[in-house]
N, C-alpha and C. Protein backbone atom coordinates (compact mmCIF):
# COMPACT_ATOMS: atom_id res chain seq x y z
N UNK A 1 21.51 6.78 18.15
CA UNK A 1 21.72 8.20 18.39
C UNK A 1 22.50 8.40 19.68
N UNK A 2 23.51 9.22 19.58
CA UNK A 2 24.31 9.50 20.77
C UNK A 2 23.76 10.74 21.46
N UNK A 3 23.81 10.73 22.76
CA UNK A 3 23.30 11.86 23.55
C UNK A 3 24.31 12.26 24.61
N UNK A 4 24.22 13.51 25.03
CA UNK A 4 24.98 14.07 26.15
C UNK A 4 26.46 13.69 26.13
N UNK A 5 26.96 12.97 27.14
CA UNK A 5 28.38 12.66 27.27
C UNK A 5 28.87 11.65 26.24
N UNK A 6 28.00 10.97 25.53
CA UNK A 6 28.40 9.96 24.55
C UNK A 6 28.88 10.57 23.24
N UNK A 7 28.66 11.86 23.04
CA UNK A 7 29.08 12.53 21.81
C UNK A 7 30.59 12.71 21.86
N UNK A 8 31.32 12.16 20.86
CA UNK A 8 32.78 12.10 20.89
C UNK A 8 33.46 13.03 19.88
N UNK A 9 32.79 13.96 19.29
CA UNK A 9 33.41 14.84 18.30
C UNK A 9 34.17 15.97 19.00
N UNK A 10 35.14 16.57 18.28
CA UNK A 10 35.89 17.70 18.84
C UNK A 10 35.05 18.96 18.84
N UNK A 11 34.28 19.12 17.75
CA UNK A 11 33.40 20.28 17.62
C UNK A 11 32.04 19.80 17.13
N UNK A 12 31.02 20.52 17.53
CA UNK A 12 29.67 20.20 17.05
C UNK A 12 28.95 21.49 16.68
N UNK A 13 28.07 21.38 15.68
CA UNK A 13 27.20 22.50 15.32
C UNK A 13 25.95 22.34 16.17
N UNK A 14 25.56 23.37 16.90
CA UNK A 14 24.49 23.26 17.87
C UNK A 14 23.26 24.03 17.41
N UNK A 15 22.09 23.38 17.54
CA UNK A 15 20.80 23.99 17.25
C UNK A 15 20.00 23.94 18.55
N UNK A 16 19.39 25.06 18.93
CA UNK A 16 18.65 25.05 20.19
C UNK A 16 17.24 24.51 20.00
N UNK A 17 16.47 24.46 21.08
CA UNK A 17 15.13 23.86 21.05
C UNK A 17 14.14 24.60 20.16
N UNK A 18 14.45 25.88 19.80
CA UNK A 18 13.57 26.66 18.93
C UNK A 18 13.96 26.57 17.47
N UNK A 19 15.04 25.81 17.17
CA UNK A 19 15.48 25.65 15.78
C UNK A 19 16.49 26.68 15.34
N UNK A 20 16.99 27.52 16.25
CA UNK A 20 17.97 28.54 15.90
C UNK A 20 19.38 27.99 16.11
N UNK A 21 20.29 28.36 15.21
CA UNK A 21 21.66 27.87 15.32
C UNK A 21 22.43 28.68 16.36
N UNK A 22 23.14 27.96 17.22
CA UNK A 22 23.98 28.62 18.22
C UNK A 22 25.44 28.65 17.76
N UNK A 23 25.76 27.96 16.67
CA UNK A 23 27.11 27.98 16.12
C UNK A 23 27.87 26.70 16.39
N UNK A 24 29.17 26.73 16.04
CA UNK A 24 30.05 25.59 16.23
C UNK A 24 30.78 25.78 17.55
N UNK A 25 30.78 24.75 18.39
CA UNK A 25 31.43 24.83 19.71
C UNK A 25 31.85 23.43 20.16
N UNK A 26 32.59 23.39 21.24
CA UNK A 26 33.01 22.11 21.81
C UNK A 26 31.80 21.43 22.45
N UNK A 27 31.78 20.10 22.45
CA UNK A 27 30.62 19.39 23.01
C UNK A 27 30.35 19.70 24.47
N UNK A 28 31.40 19.92 25.26
CA UNK A 28 31.16 20.19 26.69
C UNK A 28 30.47 21.53 26.89
N UNK A 29 30.75 22.52 26.00
CA UNK A 29 30.06 23.81 26.09
C UNK A 29 28.58 23.65 25.73
N UNK A 30 28.33 22.89 24.67
CA UNK A 30 26.95 22.66 24.24
C UNK A 30 26.19 21.90 25.33
N UNK A 31 26.85 20.93 25.95
CA UNK A 31 26.21 20.16 27.01
C UNK A 31 25.90 21.05 28.22
N UNK A 32 26.80 22.00 28.49
CA UNK A 32 26.58 22.94 29.59
C UNK A 32 25.34 23.79 29.34
N UNK A 33 25.16 24.26 28.08
CA UNK A 33 23.98 25.06 27.71
C UNK A 33 22.72 24.20 27.85
N UNK A 34 22.79 22.94 27.40
CA UNK A 34 21.64 22.04 27.48
C UNK A 34 21.25 21.79 28.93
N UNK A 35 22.24 21.58 29.81
CA UNK A 35 21.95 21.34 31.23
C UNK A 35 21.31 22.56 31.89
N UNK A 36 21.76 23.77 31.49
CA UNK A 36 21.17 25.00 32.05
C UNK A 36 19.68 25.09 31.71
N UNK A 37 19.31 24.56 30.54
CA UNK A 37 17.91 24.61 30.10
C UNK A 37 17.14 23.35 30.49
N UNK A 38 17.74 22.47 31.25
CA UNK A 38 17.16 21.19 31.70
C UNK A 38 16.74 20.31 30.52
N UNK A 39 17.60 20.27 29.49
CA UNK A 39 17.34 19.46 28.29
C UNK A 39 18.55 18.60 28.00
N UNK A 40 18.47 17.82 26.92
CA UNK A 40 19.55 16.93 26.51
C UNK A 40 20.19 17.44 25.23
N UNK A 41 21.44 17.04 25.00
CA UNK A 41 22.14 17.32 23.75
C UNK A 41 22.08 16.03 22.93
N UNK A 42 21.42 16.09 21.77
CA UNK A 42 21.20 14.90 20.95
C UNK A 42 21.89 15.09 19.60
N UNK A 43 22.71 14.11 19.20
CA UNK A 43 23.40 14.15 17.91
C UNK A 43 22.42 13.70 16.83
N UNK A 44 21.99 14.63 15.96
CA UNK A 44 20.97 14.28 14.96
C UNK A 44 21.57 13.99 13.59
N UNK A 45 22.78 14.50 13.32
CA UNK A 45 23.43 14.23 12.05
C UNK A 45 24.91 13.92 12.30
N UNK A 46 25.23 12.65 12.62
CA UNK A 46 26.61 12.32 12.99
C UNK A 46 27.59 12.35 11.82
N UNK A 47 27.11 12.24 10.57
CA UNK A 47 28.01 12.19 9.42
C UNK A 47 28.38 13.55 8.87
N UNK A 48 27.75 14.60 9.35
CA UNK A 48 28.06 15.94 8.88
C UNK A 48 29.41 16.38 9.45
N UNK A 49 30.03 17.38 8.82
CA UNK A 49 31.29 17.91 9.31
C UNK A 49 31.10 19.37 9.64
N UNK A 50 31.10 19.81 10.87
CA UNK A 50 31.11 19.02 12.10
C UNK A 50 29.72 18.41 12.35
N UNK A 51 29.63 17.39 13.22
CA UNK A 51 28.33 16.76 13.51
C UNK A 51 27.33 17.78 14.05
N UNK A 52 26.06 17.58 13.69
CA UNK A 52 25.01 18.50 14.12
C UNK A 52 24.31 17.92 15.35
N UNK A 53 24.20 18.74 16.39
CA UNK A 53 23.53 18.33 17.62
C UNK A 53 22.40 19.31 17.92
N UNK A 54 21.36 18.80 18.54
CA UNK A 54 20.21 19.62 18.87
C UNK A 54 19.93 19.54 20.37
N UNK A 55 19.58 20.67 20.94
CA UNK A 55 19.21 20.70 22.35
C UNK A 55 17.71 20.45 22.42
N UNK A 56 17.33 19.34 23.06
CA UNK A 56 15.91 18.97 23.13
C UNK A 56 15.69 17.97 24.26
N UNK A 57 14.42 17.70 24.55
CA UNK A 57 14.07 16.69 25.54
C UNK A 57 14.11 15.34 24.83
N UNK A 58 15.09 14.50 25.16
CA UNK A 58 15.29 13.24 24.45
C UNK A 58 14.13 12.27 24.64
N UNK A 59 13.57 12.20 25.82
CA UNK A 59 12.43 11.31 26.08
C UNK A 59 11.22 11.69 25.24
N UNK A 60 10.95 12.99 25.15
CA UNK A 60 9.83 13.47 24.34
C UNK A 60 10.08 13.19 22.86
N UNK A 61 11.34 13.36 22.43
CA UNK A 61 11.71 13.09 21.04
C UNK A 61 11.45 11.63 20.69
N UNK A 62 11.86 10.69 21.56
CA UNK A 62 11.63 9.26 21.31
C UNK A 62 10.15 8.93 21.28
N UNK A 63 9.37 9.55 22.18
CA UNK A 63 7.94 9.30 22.23
C UNK A 63 7.27 9.74 20.93
N UNK A 64 7.61 10.95 20.45
CA UNK A 64 6.99 11.46 19.22
C UNK A 64 7.41 10.64 18.00
N UNK A 65 8.66 10.19 17.99
CA UNK A 65 9.14 9.36 16.88
C UNK A 65 8.38 8.04 16.85
N UNK A 66 8.21 7.42 18.00
CA UNK A 66 7.47 6.16 18.08
C UNK A 66 6.01 6.34 17.69
N UNK A 67 5.44 7.46 18.11
CA UNK A 67 4.04 7.75 17.79
C UNK A 67 3.85 7.92 16.28
N UNK A 68 4.78 8.63 15.62
CA UNK A 68 4.65 8.83 14.17
C UNK A 68 4.85 7.52 13.42
N UNK A 69 5.76 6.65 13.90
CA UNK A 69 5.96 5.35 13.25
C UNK A 69 4.72 4.47 13.39
N UNK A 70 4.07 4.51 14.56
CA UNK A 70 2.84 3.74 14.75
C UNK A 70 1.73 4.24 13.82
N UNK A 71 1.63 5.55 13.66
CA UNK A 71 0.61 6.12 12.76
C UNK A 71 0.88 5.71 11.32
N UNK A 72 2.15 5.67 10.93
CA UNK A 72 2.49 5.27 9.56
C UNK A 72 2.15 3.80 9.33
N UNK A 73 2.41 2.93 10.34
CA UNK A 73 2.07 1.51 10.20
C UNK A 73 0.57 1.30 10.11
N UNK A 74 -0.18 2.11 10.83
CA UNK A 74 -1.64 1.97 10.83
C UNK A 74 -2.22 2.31 9.46
N UNK A 75 -1.61 3.28 8.78
CA UNK A 75 -2.14 3.73 7.49
C UNK A 75 -1.74 2.82 6.33
N UNK A 76 -0.66 2.04 6.48
CA UNK A 76 -0.22 1.25 5.35
C UNK A 76 -1.12 0.04 5.13
N UNK A 77 -1.32 -0.28 3.88
CA UNK A 77 -2.18 -1.40 3.48
C UNK A 77 -1.31 -2.56 3.06
N UNK A 78 -1.51 -3.71 3.68
CA UNK A 78 -0.77 -4.91 3.31
C UNK A 78 -1.56 -5.63 2.24
N UNK A 79 -0.94 -5.81 1.10
CA UNK A 79 -1.61 -6.48 -0.02
C UNK A 79 -1.23 -7.95 0.01
N UNK A 80 -2.23 -8.80 0.05
CA UNK A 80 -1.97 -10.23 0.03
C UNK A 80 -2.41 -10.80 -1.32
N UNK A 81 -1.88 -11.95 -1.65
CA UNK A 81 -2.25 -12.61 -2.90
C UNK A 81 -3.15 -13.78 -2.57
N UNK A 82 -4.37 -13.72 -3.08
CA UNK A 82 -5.33 -14.82 -2.90
C UNK A 82 -5.31 -15.64 -4.19
N UNK A 83 -5.48 -16.94 -4.05
CA UNK A 83 -5.42 -17.81 -5.23
C UNK A 83 -6.77 -18.42 -5.53
N UNK A 84 -7.11 -18.44 -6.79
CA UNK A 84 -8.33 -19.09 -7.28
C UNK A 84 -7.87 -20.16 -8.26
N UNK A 85 -8.20 -21.43 -7.96
CA UNK A 85 -7.71 -22.54 -8.78
C UNK A 85 -8.82 -23.06 -9.70
N UNK A 86 -8.44 -23.31 -10.93
CA UNK A 86 -9.36 -23.87 -11.92
C UNK A 86 -8.77 -25.17 -12.45
N UNK A 87 -9.62 -25.93 -13.15
CA UNK A 87 -9.12 -27.08 -13.90
C UNK A 87 -9.63 -26.94 -15.32
N UNK A 88 -9.05 -27.71 -16.23
CA UNK A 88 -9.45 -27.63 -17.64
C UNK A 88 -10.91 -28.04 -17.79
N UNK A 89 -11.38 -28.95 -16.94
CA UNK A 89 -12.74 -29.47 -17.05
C UNK A 89 -13.70 -28.77 -16.09
N UNK A 90 -13.45 -27.50 -15.80
CA UNK A 90 -14.28 -26.78 -14.83
C UNK A 90 -15.71 -26.66 -15.36
N UNK A 91 -16.66 -26.87 -14.47
CA UNK A 91 -18.08 -26.77 -14.83
C UNK A 91 -18.49 -25.30 -14.80
N UNK A 92 -19.56 -24.92 -15.47
CA UNK A 92 -19.98 -23.53 -15.57
C UNK A 92 -20.29 -22.92 -14.19
N UNK A 93 -20.99 -23.65 -13.34
CA UNK A 93 -21.33 -23.12 -12.02
C UNK A 93 -20.09 -22.91 -11.17
N UNK A 94 -19.16 -23.89 -11.23
CA UNK A 94 -17.91 -23.75 -10.48
C UNK A 94 -17.11 -22.54 -10.98
N UNK A 95 -17.09 -22.36 -12.30
CA UNK A 95 -16.39 -21.21 -12.87
C UNK A 95 -16.99 -19.91 -12.36
N UNK A 96 -18.32 -19.81 -12.36
CA UNK A 96 -18.98 -18.57 -11.91
C UNK A 96 -18.68 -18.30 -10.43
N UNK A 97 -18.69 -19.35 -9.61
CA UNK A 97 -18.39 -19.20 -8.18
C UNK A 97 -16.98 -18.66 -7.98
N UNK A 98 -16.03 -19.24 -8.68
CA UNK A 98 -14.64 -18.82 -8.53
C UNK A 98 -14.41 -17.43 -9.12
N UNK A 99 -15.11 -17.11 -10.19
CA UNK A 99 -15.01 -15.76 -10.76
C UNK A 99 -15.53 -14.74 -9.75
N UNK A 100 -16.65 -15.05 -9.10
CA UNK A 100 -17.21 -14.12 -8.09
C UNK A 100 -16.26 -13.97 -6.90
N UNK A 101 -15.59 -15.07 -6.51
CA UNK A 101 -14.60 -14.98 -5.44
C UNK A 101 -13.47 -14.04 -5.85
N UNK A 102 -13.00 -14.18 -7.07
CA UNK A 102 -11.90 -13.33 -7.55
C UNK A 102 -12.32 -11.86 -7.55
N UNK A 103 -13.53 -11.57 -7.98
CA UNK A 103 -14.02 -10.19 -7.99
C UNK A 103 -14.12 -9.66 -6.56
N UNK A 104 -14.59 -10.50 -5.64
CA UNK A 104 -14.67 -10.07 -4.23
C UNK A 104 -13.28 -9.79 -3.66
N UNK A 105 -12.30 -10.65 -3.95
CA UNK A 105 -10.94 -10.43 -3.46
C UNK A 105 -10.38 -9.13 -4.02
N UNK A 106 -10.60 -8.89 -5.31
CA UNK A 106 -10.12 -7.65 -5.91
C UNK A 106 -10.80 -6.43 -5.29
N UNK A 107 -12.08 -6.56 -4.98
CA UNK A 107 -12.81 -5.47 -4.35
C UNK A 107 -12.29 -5.17 -2.95
N UNK A 108 -11.77 -6.21 -2.27
CA UNK A 108 -11.20 -6.02 -0.93
C UNK A 108 -9.79 -5.44 -0.98
N UNK A 109 -9.23 -5.30 -2.20
CA UNK A 109 -7.89 -4.72 -2.34
C UNK A 109 -6.77 -5.74 -2.38
N UNK A 110 -7.10 -7.02 -2.53
CA UNK A 110 -6.07 -8.06 -2.60
C UNK A 110 -5.79 -8.42 -4.05
N UNK A 111 -4.58 -8.92 -4.30
CA UNK A 111 -4.26 -9.42 -5.64
C UNK A 111 -4.80 -10.83 -5.76
N UNK A 112 -5.08 -11.25 -6.99
CA UNK A 112 -5.62 -12.59 -7.23
C UNK A 112 -4.71 -13.32 -8.20
N UNK A 113 -4.33 -14.54 -7.81
CA UNK A 113 -3.56 -15.40 -8.69
C UNK A 113 -4.52 -16.47 -9.20
N UNK A 114 -4.80 -16.43 -10.49
CA UNK A 114 -5.68 -17.43 -11.11
C UNK A 114 -4.77 -18.52 -11.67
N UNK A 115 -4.92 -19.73 -11.16
CA UNK A 115 -4.06 -20.81 -11.63
C UNK A 115 -4.90 -21.97 -12.14
N UNK A 116 -4.34 -22.65 -13.12
CA UNK A 116 -5.02 -23.78 -13.75
C UNK A 116 -3.97 -24.88 -13.92
N UNK A 117 -4.20 -26.02 -13.30
CA UNK A 117 -3.22 -27.12 -13.35
C UNK A 117 -3.66 -28.15 -14.39
N UNK A 118 -2.71 -28.52 -15.24
CA UNK A 118 -2.96 -29.55 -16.25
C UNK A 118 -2.52 -30.90 -15.68
N UNK A 119 -3.36 -31.92 -15.89
CA UNK A 119 -3.04 -33.26 -15.39
C UNK A 119 -2.96 -34.22 -16.56
N UNK A 120 -1.88 -34.97 -16.63
CA UNK A 120 -1.75 -36.03 -17.62
C UNK A 120 -1.90 -35.56 -19.05
N UNK A 121 -2.88 -36.11 -19.75
CA UNK A 121 -3.07 -35.82 -21.17
C UNK A 121 -3.64 -34.44 -21.44
N UNK A 122 -4.06 -33.74 -20.38
CA UNK A 122 -4.58 -32.39 -20.57
C UNK A 122 -3.51 -31.45 -21.11
N UNK A 123 -2.22 -31.80 -20.92
CA UNK A 123 -1.14 -30.95 -21.42
C UNK A 123 -1.19 -30.81 -22.93
N UNK A 124 -1.82 -31.73 -23.61
CA UNK A 124 -1.94 -31.65 -25.06
C UNK A 124 -2.97 -30.60 -25.47
N UNK A 125 -3.79 -30.14 -24.52
CA UNK A 125 -4.85 -29.17 -24.83
C UNK A 125 -4.67 -27.89 -24.02
N UNK A 126 -3.50 -27.30 -24.12
CA UNK A 126 -3.23 -26.06 -23.38
C UNK A 126 -4.14 -24.93 -23.81
N UNK A 127 -4.56 -24.96 -25.05
CA UNK A 127 -5.44 -23.89 -25.54
C UNK A 127 -6.73 -23.80 -24.74
N UNK A 128 -7.23 -24.92 -24.21
CA UNK A 128 -8.44 -24.90 -23.39
C UNK A 128 -8.17 -24.15 -22.07
N UNK A 129 -6.99 -24.37 -21.51
CA UNK A 129 -6.62 -23.67 -20.28
C UNK A 129 -6.50 -22.17 -20.50
N UNK A 130 -5.85 -21.79 -21.62
CA UNK A 130 -5.72 -20.37 -21.93
C UNK A 130 -7.09 -19.72 -22.13
N UNK A 131 -8.03 -20.46 -22.73
CA UNK A 131 -9.39 -19.92 -22.93
C UNK A 131 -10.05 -19.62 -21.59
N UNK A 132 -9.90 -20.52 -20.62
CA UNK A 132 -10.54 -20.33 -19.30
C UNK A 132 -9.94 -19.12 -18.59
N UNK A 133 -8.60 -19.02 -18.57
CA UNK A 133 -7.96 -17.89 -17.88
C UNK A 133 -8.27 -16.58 -18.59
N UNK A 134 -8.25 -16.57 -19.92
CA UNK A 134 -8.58 -15.34 -20.65
C UNK A 134 -10.04 -14.96 -20.46
N UNK A 135 -10.92 -15.96 -20.35
CA UNK A 135 -12.33 -15.68 -20.08
C UNK A 135 -12.48 -15.02 -18.70
N UNK A 136 -11.73 -15.52 -17.72
CA UNK A 136 -11.77 -14.92 -16.39
C UNK A 136 -11.31 -13.46 -16.45
N UNK A 137 -10.24 -13.21 -17.17
CA UNK A 137 -9.73 -11.83 -17.29
C UNK A 137 -10.79 -10.94 -17.92
N UNK A 138 -11.47 -11.42 -18.93
CA UNK A 138 -12.53 -10.62 -19.59
C UNK A 138 -13.72 -10.43 -18.65
N UNK A 139 -14.09 -11.47 -17.90
CA UNK A 139 -15.24 -11.36 -17.01
C UNK A 139 -14.98 -10.44 -15.82
N UNK A 140 -13.74 -10.44 -15.34
CA UNK A 140 -13.40 -9.55 -14.21
C UNK A 140 -13.50 -8.11 -14.67
N UNK A 141 -13.09 -7.84 -15.89
CA UNK A 141 -13.25 -6.51 -16.49
C UNK A 141 -12.56 -5.41 -15.73
N UNK A 142 -13.34 -4.41 -15.33
CA UNK A 142 -12.78 -3.22 -14.70
C UNK A 142 -12.47 -3.42 -13.22
N UNK A 143 -12.87 -4.54 -12.63
CA UNK A 143 -12.59 -4.78 -11.21
C UNK A 143 -11.10 -5.03 -10.98
N UNK A 144 -10.39 -5.50 -12.00
CA UNK A 144 -8.97 -5.79 -11.83
C UNK A 144 -8.17 -5.54 -13.08
N UNK A 145 -6.89 -5.31 -12.88
CA UNK A 145 -5.96 -5.11 -13.98
C UNK A 145 -5.04 -6.32 -14.05
N UNK A 146 -4.65 -6.71 -15.26
CA UNK A 146 -3.78 -7.86 -15.43
C UNK A 146 -2.36 -7.42 -15.11
N UNK A 147 -1.78 -8.03 -14.08
CA UNK A 147 -0.40 -7.71 -13.71
C UNK A 147 0.56 -8.61 -14.47
N UNK A 148 0.23 -9.92 -14.55
CA UNK A 148 1.01 -10.85 -15.35
C UNK A 148 0.04 -11.58 -16.26
N UNK A 149 0.31 -11.53 -17.56
CA UNK A 149 -0.53 -12.25 -18.52
C UNK A 149 -0.38 -13.75 -18.28
N UNK A 150 -1.35 -14.56 -18.72
CA UNK A 150 -1.27 -16.01 -18.49
C UNK A 150 0.02 -16.59 -19.06
N UNK A 151 0.69 -17.41 -18.25
CA UNK A 151 1.91 -18.06 -18.71
C UNK A 151 2.06 -19.40 -18.02
N UNK A 152 2.81 -20.27 -18.66
CA UNK A 152 3.01 -21.62 -18.15
C UNK A 152 4.24 -21.67 -17.26
N UNK A 153 4.10 -22.39 -16.15
CA UNK A 153 5.24 -22.73 -15.30
C UNK A 153 5.07 -24.19 -14.96
N UNK A 154 5.83 -25.02 -15.63
CA UNK A 154 5.68 -26.46 -15.45
C UNK A 154 4.33 -26.91 -15.99
N UNK A 155 3.52 -27.53 -15.13
CA UNK A 155 2.20 -27.99 -15.57
C UNK A 155 1.10 -27.03 -15.14
N UNK A 156 1.49 -25.83 -14.69
CA UNK A 156 0.51 -24.87 -14.19
C UNK A 156 0.50 -23.63 -15.06
N UNK A 157 -0.68 -23.21 -15.41
CA UNK A 157 -0.88 -21.95 -16.14
C UNK A 157 -1.42 -20.96 -15.13
N UNK A 158 -0.79 -19.79 -15.04
CA UNK A 158 -1.33 -18.83 -14.08
C UNK A 158 -1.20 -17.40 -14.58
N UNK A 159 -2.06 -16.55 -14.02
CA UNK A 159 -2.07 -15.11 -14.29
C UNK A 159 -2.31 -14.41 -12.96
N UNK A 160 -1.80 -13.20 -12.83
CA UNK A 160 -2.01 -12.43 -11.60
C UNK A 160 -2.78 -11.17 -11.94
N UNK A 161 -3.85 -10.93 -11.18
CA UNK A 161 -4.69 -9.75 -11.36
C UNK A 161 -4.52 -8.85 -10.15
N UNK A 162 -4.38 -7.57 -10.39
CA UNK A 162 -4.26 -6.60 -9.31
C UNK A 162 -5.55 -5.80 -9.23
N UNK A 163 -5.90 -5.30 -8.05
CA UNK A 163 -7.13 -4.50 -7.95
C UNK A 163 -7.00 -3.23 -8.77
N UNK A 164 -8.10 -2.82 -9.37
CA UNK A 164 -8.11 -1.59 -10.17
C UNK A 164 -7.94 -0.41 -9.23
N UNK A 165 -7.29 0.63 -9.72
CA UNK A 165 -7.14 1.84 -8.91
C UNK A 165 -8.50 2.42 -8.64
N UNK A 166 -8.70 2.86 -7.41
CA UNK A 166 -9.98 3.47 -7.05
C UNK A 166 -10.06 4.81 -7.78
N UNK A 167 -11.03 4.93 -8.64
CA UNK A 167 -11.21 6.20 -9.34
C UNK A 167 -11.83 7.20 -8.38
N UNK A 168 -11.92 8.42 -8.82
CA UNK A 168 -12.51 9.46 -7.97
C UNK A 168 -13.89 9.00 -7.51
N UNK A 169 -14.28 9.50 -6.36
CA UNK A 169 -15.58 9.10 -5.81
C UNK A 169 -16.65 9.33 -6.87
N UNK A 170 -17.47 8.34 -7.06
CA UNK A 170 -18.50 8.43 -8.08
C UNK A 170 -19.42 9.60 -7.74
N UNK A 171 -19.72 10.43 -8.73
CA UNK A 171 -20.59 11.57 -8.43
C UNK A 171 -21.96 11.08 -7.99
N UNK A 172 -22.47 11.72 -6.97
CA UNK A 172 -23.78 11.31 -6.45
C UNK A 172 -24.87 11.74 -7.43
N UNK A 173 -25.89 10.91 -7.50
CA UNK A 173 -27.00 11.23 -8.38
C UNK A 173 -27.75 12.41 -7.80
N UNK A 174 -28.10 13.37 -8.65
CA UNK A 174 -28.83 14.52 -8.11
C UNK A 174 -30.20 14.08 -7.62
N UNK A 175 -30.56 14.60 -6.48
CA UNK A 175 -31.86 14.25 -5.92
C UNK A 175 -32.94 14.93 -6.76
N UNK A 176 -33.87 14.13 -7.23
CA UNK A 176 -34.95 14.68 -8.06
C UNK A 176 -36.03 15.32 -7.22
N UNK A 177 -36.94 15.99 -7.89
CA UNK A 177 -38.06 16.60 -7.18
C UNK A 177 -38.99 15.48 -6.72
N UNK A 178 -39.78 15.71 -5.65
CA UNK A 178 -40.65 14.66 -5.13
C UNK A 178 -41.59 14.07 -6.18
N UNK A 179 -42.01 14.82 -7.18
CA UNK A 179 -42.95 14.32 -8.17
C UNK A 179 -42.29 13.58 -9.32
N UNK A 180 -40.93 13.69 -9.44
CA UNK A 180 -40.23 13.05 -10.55
C UNK A 180 -40.17 11.55 -10.36
N UNK A 181 -40.24 10.83 -11.48
CA UNK A 181 -40.11 9.37 -11.44
C UNK A 181 -38.63 9.01 -11.35
N UNK A 182 -38.29 7.90 -10.71
CA UNK A 182 -36.89 7.46 -10.67
C UNK A 182 -36.38 7.24 -12.09
N UNK A 183 -35.06 7.31 -12.27
CA UNK A 183 -34.44 7.21 -13.59
C UNK A 183 -34.81 5.89 -14.28
N UNK A 184 -34.99 4.82 -13.49
CA UNK A 184 -35.31 3.52 -14.10
C UNK A 184 -36.72 3.50 -14.68
N UNK A 185 -37.60 4.40 -14.20
CA UNK A 185 -38.98 4.42 -14.69
C UNK A 185 -39.22 5.57 -15.66
N UNK A 186 -38.20 6.40 -15.89
CA UNK A 186 -38.39 7.54 -16.81
C UNK A 186 -38.55 7.01 -18.22
N UNK A 187 -39.43 7.61 -19.03
CA UNK A 187 -39.62 7.14 -20.40
C UNK A 187 -38.40 7.46 -21.25
N UNK A 188 -38.07 6.55 -22.14
CA UNK A 188 -36.94 6.77 -23.06
C UNK A 188 -37.45 7.40 -24.33
N UNK A 189 -36.52 7.80 -25.20
CA UNK A 189 -36.92 8.48 -26.43
C UNK A 189 -37.74 7.54 -27.31
N UNK A 190 -37.45 6.23 -27.27
CA UNK A 190 -38.17 5.26 -28.09
C UNK A 190 -39.61 5.09 -27.60
N UNK A 191 -39.84 5.25 -26.28
CA UNK A 191 -41.18 5.06 -25.73
C UNK A 191 -42.03 6.30 -25.93
N UNK A 192 -41.41 7.47 -26.00
CA UNK A 192 -42.19 8.71 -26.07
C UNK A 192 -42.76 8.99 -27.41
């Protein structure tokens, strides 16, 4: 951004500190008005014809711009991809542990790459690998959405799961009267 004497246009459209247009004038006239008000002349739209300049406090402008950029960075969420590796001969307990890890990663808002590497003669039994990855997708259920369906890349089968969109806040359960039994202990129609 060019300011004050660095503005090289023949004419500039000038906006004052209150947002009102002062019209088209030579840069030295606009600079004279800015100096009278103890402010700077800042070129805000150099590609316009004629360029648009604003009379403002340049230091305050830079501070507010930096502050808004910092606030925007603070609010943005960086999504990382966590990997969960399986093998064709995965044991049931190992599978459950890795499935729970994947669900936890998805709950934290990270993407999950489920990969399964085939070794040697296991390549002849790709269907077993597809069963494991598809089982994981079914077990994860509503915690994650399938971004890439299982596919082979070399000797590795992988799928990518993205976290499910956060639905509206779950409605709170209405508080019952002090004498009411909790919902888990309430009699069902079959018991009554």
